[in-house]
PDB file of all heavy atoms in Angstrom:
ATOM      1  N   PHE A   1     123.573 179.744 198.399  1.00  0.00           N
ATOM      2  CA  PHE A   1     124.764 179.130 197.825  1.00  0.00           C
ATOM      3  C   PHE A   1     125.549 180.162 197.037  1.00  0.00           C
ATOM      4  O   PHE A   1     125.023 180.843 196.161  1.00  0.00           O
ATOM      5  CB  PHE A   1     124.404 177.956 196.912  1.00  0.00           C
ATOM      6  CG  PHE A   1     125.606 177.309 196.282  1.00  0.00           C
ATOM      7  CD1 PHE A   1     126.497 176.593 197.052  1.00  0.00           C
ATOM      8  CD2 PHE A   1     125.860 177.451 194.922  1.00  0.00           C
ATOM      9  CE1 PHE A   1     127.624 176.005 196.481  1.00  0.00           C
ATOM     10  CE2 PHE A   1     126.982 176.861 194.342  1.00  0.00           C
ATOM     11  CZ  PHE A   1     127.862 176.137 195.128  1.00  0.00           C
ATOM     12  N   ASP A   2     126.828 180.273 197.345  1.00  0.00           N
ATOM     13  CA  ASP A   2     127.710 181.219 196.665  1.00  0.00           C
ATOM     14  C   ASP A   2     128.937 180.451 196.183  1.00  0.00           C
ATOM     15  O   ASP A   2     129.683 179.888 196.989  1.00  0.00           O
ATOM     16  CB  ASP A   2     128.136 182.332 197.616  1.00  0.00           C
ATOM     17  CG  ASP A   2     128.779 183.504 196.892  1.00  0.00           C
ATOM     18  OD1 ASP A   2     129.587 183.250 195.970  1.00  0.00           O
ATOM     19  OD2 ASP A   2     128.505 184.661 197.238  1.00  0.00           O
ATOM     20  N   PRO A   3     129.180 180.398 194.867  1.00  0.00           N
ATOM     21  CA  PRO A   3     130.312 179.640 194.328  1.00  0.00           C
ATOM     22  C   PRO A   3     131.600 180.448 194.201  1.00  0.00           C
ATOM     23  O   PRO A   3     132.546 179.991 193.568  1.00  0.00           O
ATOM     24  CB  PRO A   3     129.795 179.238 192.941  1.00  0.00           C
ATOM     25  CG  PRO A   3     128.935 180.388 192.535  1.00  0.00           C
ATOM     26  CD  PRO A   3     128.309 180.928 193.804  1.00  0.00           C
ATOM     27  N   ARG A   4     131.671 181.604 194.822  1.00  0.00           N
ATOM     28  CA  ARG A   4     132.832 182.479 194.646  1.00  0.00           C
ATOM     29  C   ARG A   4     133.953 182.156 195.637  1.00  0.00           C
ATOM     30  O   ARG A   4     134.525 183.038 196.265  1.00  0.00           O
ATOM     31  CB  ARG A   4     132.413 183.938 194.776  1.00  0.00           C
ATOM     32  CG  ARG A   4     131.480 184.438 193.670  1.00  0.00           C
ATOM     33  CD  ARG A   4     131.046 185.857 193.929  1.00  0.00           C
ATOM     34  NE  ARG A   4     130.355 185.966 195.205  1.00  0.00           N
ATOM     35  CZ  ARG A   4     130.325 187.065 195.960  1.00  0.00           C
ATOM     36  NH1 ARG A   4     130.975 188.146 195.545  1.00  0.00           N
ATOM     37  NH2 ARG A   4     129.664 187.082 197.106  1.00  0.00           N
ATOM     38  N   PHE A   5     134.275 180.874 195.751  1.00  0.00           N
ATOM     39  CA  PHE A   5     135.440 180.462 196.530  1.00  0.00           C
ATOM     40  C   PHE A   5     136.562 180.116 195.558  1.00  0.00           C
ATOM     41  O   PHE A   5     136.339 180.002 194.343  1.00  0.00           O
ATOM     42  CB  PHE A   5     135.090 179.285 197.446  1.00  0.00           C
ATOM     43  CG  PHE A   5     134.257 178.218 196.802  1.00  0.00           C
ATOM     44  CD1 PHE A   5     134.835 177.195 196.070  1.00  0.00           C
ATOM     45  CD2 PHE A   5     132.861 178.252 196.902  1.00  0.00           C
ATOM     46  CE1 PHE A   5     134.056 176.219 195.459  1.00  0.00           C
ATOM     47  CE2 PHE A   5     132.075 177.282 196.301  1.00  0.00           C
ATOM     48  CZ  PHE A   5     132.673 176.265 195.575  1.00  0.00           C
ATOM     49  N   ASP A   6     137.768 179.939 196.081  1.00  0.00           N
ATOM     50  CA  ASP A   6     138.936 179.731 195.222  1.00  0.00           C
ATOM     51  C   ASP A   6     139.318 178.260 195.092  1.00  0.00           C
ATOM     52  O   ASP A   6     139.729 177.814 194.017  1.00  0.00           O
ATOM     53  CB  ASP A   6     140.136 180.504 195.786  1.00  0.00           C
ATOM     54  CG  ASP A   6     139.852 181.978 195.946  1.00  0.00           C
ATOM     55  OD1 ASP A   6     139.717 182.652 194.914  1.00  0.00           O
ATOM     56  OD2 ASP A   6     139.751 182.447 197.102  1.00  0.00           O
ATOM     57  N   LEU A   7     139.221 177.525 196.190  1.00  0.00           N
ATOM     58  CA  LEU A   7     139.659 176.141 196.242  1.00  0.00           C
ATOM     59  C   LEU A   7     138.548 175.274 196.825  1.00  0.00           C
ATOM     60  O   LEU A   7     137.798 175.722 197.696  1.00  0.00           O
ATOM     61  CB  LEU A   7     140.907 175.978 197.122  1.00  0.00           C
ATOM     62  CG  LEU A   7     142.082 176.920 196.895  1.00  0.00           C
ATOM     63  CD1 LEU A   7     143.169 176.690 197.950  1.00  0.00           C
ATOM     64  CD2 LEU A   7     142.660 176.744 195.504  1.00  0.00           C
ATOM     65  N   VAL A   8     138.462 174.050 196.351  1.00  0.00           N
ATOM     66  CA  VAL A   8     137.548 173.084 196.952  1.00  0.00           C
ATOM     67  C   VAL A   8     138.360 171.845 197.306  1.00  0.00           C
ATOM     68  O   VAL A   8     139.117 171.320 196.480  1.00  0.00           O
ATOM     69  CB  VAL A   8     136.355 172.737 196.025  1.00  0.00           C
ATOM     70  CG1 VAL A   8     136.814 172.199 194.680  1.00  0.00           C
ATOM     71  CG2 VAL A   8     135.429 171.742 196.703  1.00  0.00           C
ATOM     72  N   GLU A   9     138.217 171.413 198.542  1.00  0.00           N
ATOM     73  CA  GLU A   9     138.956 170.263 199.040  1.00  0.00           C
ATOM     74  C   GLU A   9     138.291 168.988 198.515  1.00  0.00           C
ATOM     75  O   GLU A   9     137.315 168.511 199.081  1.00  0.00           O
ATOM     76  CB  GLU A   9     138.941 170.304 200.571  1.00  0.00           C
ATOM     77  CG  GLU A   9     140.003 169.506 201.247  1.00  0.00           C
ATOM     78  CD  GLU A   9     139.972 169.742 202.737  1.00  0.00           C
ATOM     79  OE1 GLU A   9     138.958 169.376 203.380  1.00  0.00           O
ATOM     80  OE2 GLU A   9     140.938 170.304 203.287  1.00  0.00           O
ATOM     81  N   VAL A  10     138.834 168.455 197.430  1.00  0.00           N
ATOM     82  CA  VAL A  10     138.259 167.252 196.820  1.00  0.00           C
ATOM     83  C   VAL A  10     138.526 166.029 197.682  1.00  0.00           C
ATOM     84  O   VAL A  10     137.683 165.136 197.804  1.00  0.00           O
ATOM     85  CB  VAL A  10     138.824 167.061 195.395  1.00  0.00           C
ATOM     86  CG1 VAL A  10     138.456 165.696 194.825  1.00  0.00           C
ATOM     87  CG2 VAL A  10     138.292 168.169 194.478  1.00  0.00           C
ATOM     88  N   VAL A  11     139.706 165.973 198.305  1.00  0.00           N
ATOM     89  CA  VAL A  11     140.085 164.823 199.128  1.00  0.00           C
ATOM     90  C   VAL A  11     140.713 165.317 200.424  1.00  0.00           C
ATOM     91  O   VAL A  11     141.495 166.262 200.424  1.00  0.00           O
ATOM     92  CB  VAL A  11     141.100 163.922 198.401  1.00  0.00           C
ATOM     93  CG1 VAL A  11     141.375 162.654 199.208  1.00  0.00           C
ATOM     94  CG2 VAL A  11     140.621 163.539 197.010  1.00  0.00           C
ATOM     95  N   ASP A  12     140.348 164.672 201.545  1.00  0.00           N
ATOM     96  CA  ASP A  12     141.089 164.852 202.786  1.00  0.00           C
ATOM     97  C   ASP A  12     141.140 163.510 203.506  1.00  0.00           C
ATOM     98  O   ASP A  12     140.354 162.611 203.222  1.00  0.00           O
ATOM     99  CB  ASP A  12     140.463 165.943 203.671  1.00  0.00           C
ATOM    100  CG  ASP A  12     139.197 165.492 204.363  1.00  0.00           C
ATOM    101  OD1 ASP A  12     138.150 165.380 203.687  1.00  0.00           O
ATOM    102  OD2 ASP A  12     139.247 165.246 205.575  1.00  0.00           O
ATOM    103  N   ALA A  13     142.083 163.364 204.426  1.00  0.00           N
ATOM    104  CA  ALA A  13     142.339 162.062 205.043  1.00  0.00           C
ATOM    105  C   ALA A  13     141.212 161.608 205.966  1.00  0.00           C
ATOM    106  O   ALA A  13     141.162 160.438 206.340  1.00  0.00           O
ATOM    107  CB  ALA A  13     143.658 162.094 205.813  1.00  0.00           C
ATOM    108  N   GLN A  14     140.317 162.512 206.328  1.00  0.00           N
ATOM    109  CA  GLN A  14     139.213 162.118 207.204  1.00  0.00           C
ATOM    110  C   GLN A  14     137.967 161.710 206.419  1.00  0.00           C
ATOM    111  O   GLN A  14     137.008 161.219 206.989  1.00  0.00           O
ATOM    112  CB  GLN A  14     138.830 163.271 208.154  1.00  0.00           C
ATOM    113  CG  GLN A  14     139.973 164.141 208.645  1.00  0.00           C
ATOM    114  CD  GLN A  14     141.141 163.371 209.212  1.00  0.00           C
ATOM    115  OE1 GLN A  14     140.956 162.358 209.874  1.00  0.00           O
ATOM    116  NE2 GLN A  14     142.340 163.838 208.944  1.00  0.00           N
ATOM    117  N   GLY A  15     137.973 161.928 205.106  1.00  0.00           N
ATOM    118  CA  GLY A  15     136.778 161.620 204.315  1.00  0.00           C
ATOM    119  C   GLY A  15     137.124 161.072 202.951  1.00  0.00           C
ATOM    120  O   GLY A  15     136.634 161.557 201.926  1.00  0.00           O
ATOM    121  N   ILE A  16     137.966 160.041 202.936  1.00  0.00           N
ATOM    122  CA  ILE A  16     138.410 159.465 201.677  1.00  0.00           C
ATOM    123  C   ILE A  16     137.218 159.006 200.831  1.00  0.00           C
ATOM    124  O   ILE A  16     137.174 159.173 199.611  1.00  0.00           O
ATOM    125  CB  ILE A  16     139.361 158.285 201.934  1.00  0.00           C
ATOM    126  CG1 ILE A  16     140.628 158.761 202.669  1.00  0.00           C
ATOM    127  CG2 ILE A  16     139.721 157.571 200.648  1.00  0.00           C
ATOM    128  CD1 ILE A  16     141.450 159.751 201.895  1.00  0.00           C
ATOM    129  N   GLU A  17     136.210 158.437 201.524  1.00  0.00           N
ATOM    130  CA  GLU A  17     135.078 157.872 200.790  1.00  0.00           C
ATOM    131  C   GLU A  17     134.228 158.942 200.105  1.00  0.00           C
ATOM    132  O   GLU A  17     133.431 158.631 199.225  1.00  0.00           O
ATOM    133  CB  GLU A  17     134.198 157.039 201.742  1.00  0.00           C
ATOM    134  CG  GLU A  17     133.470 157.824 202.819  1.00  0.00           C
ATOM    135  CD  GLU A  17     134.331 158.245 204.000  1.00  0.00           C
ATOM    136  OE1 GLU A  17     135.505 157.819 204.065  1.00  0.00           O
ATOM    137  OE2 GLU A  17     133.841 158.999 204.856  1.00  0.00           O
ATOM    138  N   GLU A  18     134.379 160.207 200.489  1.00  0.00           N
ATOM    139  CA  GLU A  18     133.584 161.282 199.893  1.00  0.00           C
ATOM    140  C   GLU A  18     134.217 161.843 198.612  1.00  0.00           C
ATOM    141  O   GLU A  18     133.594 162.622 197.898  1.00  0.00           O
ATOM    142  CB  GLU A  18     133.432 162.423 200.907  1.00  0.00           C
ATOM    143  CG  GLU A  18     132.733 162.007 202.192  1.00  0.00           C
ATOM    144  CD  GLU A  18     133.078 162.936 203.349  1.00  0.00           C
ATOM    145  OE1 GLU A  18     133.684 163.993 203.109  1.00  0.00           O
ATOM    146  OE2 GLU A  18     132.751 162.581 204.496  1.00  0.00           O
ATOM    147  N   GLY A  19     135.468 161.443 198.323  1.00  0.00           N
ATOM    148  CA  GLY A  19     136.225 162.063 197.254  1.00  0.00           C
ATOM    149  C   GLY A  19     135.559 161.997 195.893  1.00  0.00           C
ATOM    150  O   GLY A  19     135.545 162.985 195.148  1.00  0.00           O
ATOM    151  N   ALA A  20     134.985 160.837 195.531  1.00  0.00           N
ATOM    152  CA  ALA A  20     134.377 160.689 194.205  1.00  0.00           C
ATOM    153  C   ALA A  20     133.206 161.644 194.019  1.00  0.00           C
ATOM    154  O   ALA A  20     133.024 162.227 192.937  1.00  0.00           O
ATOM    155  CB  ALA A  20     133.932 159.247 193.993  1.00  0.00           C
ATOM    156  N   ARG A  21     132.400 161.824 195.069  1.00  0.00           N
ATOM    157  CA  ARG A  21     131.246 162.731 194.965  1.00  0.00           C
ATOM    158  C   ARG A  21     131.704 164.175 194.808  1.00  0.00           C
ATOM    159  O   ARG A  21     131.143 164.934 194.013  1.00  0.00           O
ATOM    160  CB  ARG A  21     130.357 162.594 196.196  1.00  0.00           C
ATOM    161  CG  ARG A  21     129.662 161.253 196.336  1.00  0.00           C
ATOM    162  CD  ARG A  21     128.667 161.281 197.472  1.00  0.00           C
ATOM    163  NE  ARG A  21     127.550 162.163 197.185  1.00  0.00           N
ATOM    164  CZ  ARG A  21     126.655 162.554 198.103  1.00  0.00           C
ATOM    165  NH1 ARG A  21     126.756 162.152 199.346  1.00  0.00           N
ATOM    166  NH2 ARG A  21     125.671 163.350 197.766  1.00  0.00           N
ATOM    167  N   VAL A  22     132.728 164.557 195.579  1.00  0.00           N
ATOM    168  CA  VAL A  22     133.206 165.943 195.495  1.00  0.00           C
ATOM    169  C   VAL A  22     133.892 166.199 194.160  1.00  0.00           C
ATOM    170  O   VAL A  22     133.768 167.285 193.586  1.00  0.00           O
ATOM    171  CB  VAL A  22     134.148 166.262 196.672  1.00  0.00           C
ATOM    172  CG1 VAL A  22     134.605 167.716 196.605  1.00  0.00           C
ATOM    173  CG2 VAL A  22     133.453 166.006 198.007  1.00  0.00           C
ATOM    174  N   LEU A  23     134.595 165.194 193.643  1.00  0.00           N
ATOM    175  CA  LEU A  23     135.199 165.332 192.315  1.00  0.00           C
ATOM    176  C   LEU A  23     134.122 165.610 191.275  1.00  0.00           C
ATOM    177  O   LEU A  23     134.284 166.488 190.408  1.00  0.00           O
ATOM    178  CB  LEU A  23     135.966 164.056 191.966  1.00  0.00           C
ATOM    179  CG  LEU A  23     136.742 164.064 190.645  1.00  0.00           C
ATOM    180  CD1 LEU A  23     137.855 165.106 190.669  1.00  0.00           C
ATOM    181  CD2 LEU A  23     137.300 162.678 190.346  1.00  0.00           C
ATOM    182  N   ASN A  24     133.006 164.906 191.354  1.00  0.00           N
ATOM    183  CA  ASN A  24     131.887 165.142 190.438  1.00  0.00           C
ATOM    184  C   ASN A  24     131.322 166.557 190.611  1.00  0.00           C
ATOM    185  O   ASN A  24     131.019 167.238 189.622  1.00  0.00           O
ATOM    186  CB  ASN A  24     130.796 164.100 190.693  1.00  0.00           C
ATOM    187  CG  ASN A  24     129.634 164.230 189.736  1.00  0.00           C
ATOM    188  OD1 ASN A  24     129.782 164.063 188.544  1.00  0.00           O
ATOM    189  ND2 ASN A  24     128.456 164.523 190.275  1.00  0.00           N
ATOM    190  N   ASP A  25     131.206 167.007 191.865  1.00  0.00           N
ATOM    191  CA  ASP A  25     130.747 168.382 192.122  1.00  0.00           C
ATOM    192  C   ASP A  25     131.672 169.396 191.472  1.00  0.00           C
ATOM    193  O   ASP A  25     131.226 170.389 190.873  1.00  0.00           O
ATOM    194  CB  ASP A  25     130.695 168.653 193.633  1.00  0.00           C
ATOM    195  CG  ASP A  25     129.642 167.830 194.357  1.00  0.00           C
ATOM    196  OD1 ASP A  25     128.599 167.527 193.758  1.00  0.00           O
ATOM    197  OD2 ASP A  25     129.867 167.497 195.543  1.00  0.00           O
ATOM    198  N   TRP A  26     132.969 169.161 191.609  1.00  0.00           N
ATOM    199  CA  TRP A  26     133.957 170.089 191.042  1.00  0.00           C
ATOM    200  C   TRP A  26     133.851 170.135 189.521  1.00  0.00           C
ATOM    201  O   TRP A  26     133.903 171.207 188.921  1.00  0.00           O
ATOM    202  CB  TRP A  26     135.352 169.671 191.491  1.00  0.00           C
ATOM    203  CG  TRP A  26     136.457 170.509 190.936  1.00  0.00           C
ATOM    204  CD1 TRP A  26     136.574 171.875 190.993  1.00  0.00           C
ATOM    205  CD2 TRP A  26     137.625 170.044 190.244  1.00  0.00           C
ATOM    206  NE1 TRP A  26     137.738 172.279 190.375  1.00  0.00           N
ATOM    207  CE2 TRP A  26     138.395 171.182 189.913  1.00  0.00           C
ATOM    208  CE3 TRP A  26     138.088 168.780 189.891  1.00  0.00           C
ATOM    209  CZ2 TRP A  26     139.615 171.081 189.235  1.00  0.00           C
ATOM    210  CZ3 TRP A  26     139.298 168.690 189.221  1.00  0.00           C
ATOM    211  CH2 TRP A  26     140.040 169.824 188.897  1.00  0.00           C
ATOM    212  N   PHE A  27     133.678 168.976 188.888  1.00  0.00           N
ATOM    213  CA  PHE A  27     133.503 168.955 187.436  1.00  0.00           C
ATOM    214  C   PHE A  27     132.301 169.806 187.024  1.00  0.00           C
ATOM    215  O   PHE A  27     132.351 170.529 186.019  1.00  0.00           O
ATOM    216  CB  PHE A  27     133.314 167.523 186.944  1.00  0.00           C
ATOM    217  CG  PHE A  27     134.559 166.663 186.978  1.00  0.00           C
ATOM    218  CD1 PHE A  27     134.471 165.290 186.812  1.00  0.00           C
ATOM    219  CD2 PHE A  27     135.812 167.235 187.173  1.00  0.00           C
ATOM    220  CE1 PHE A  27     135.611 164.499 186.826  1.00  0.00           C
ATOM    221  CE2 PHE A  27     136.960 166.449 187.205  1.00  0.00           C
ATOM    222  CZ  PHE A  27     136.854 165.078 187.015  1.00  0.00           C
TER     223      PHE A  27
END
């Protein structure tokens, strides 16, 4: 695992239901 990326896609139109989990990951 390498966290040295610039952007994380919190929401996309193909995975709306995943948004809350990714938002928590980003926090």
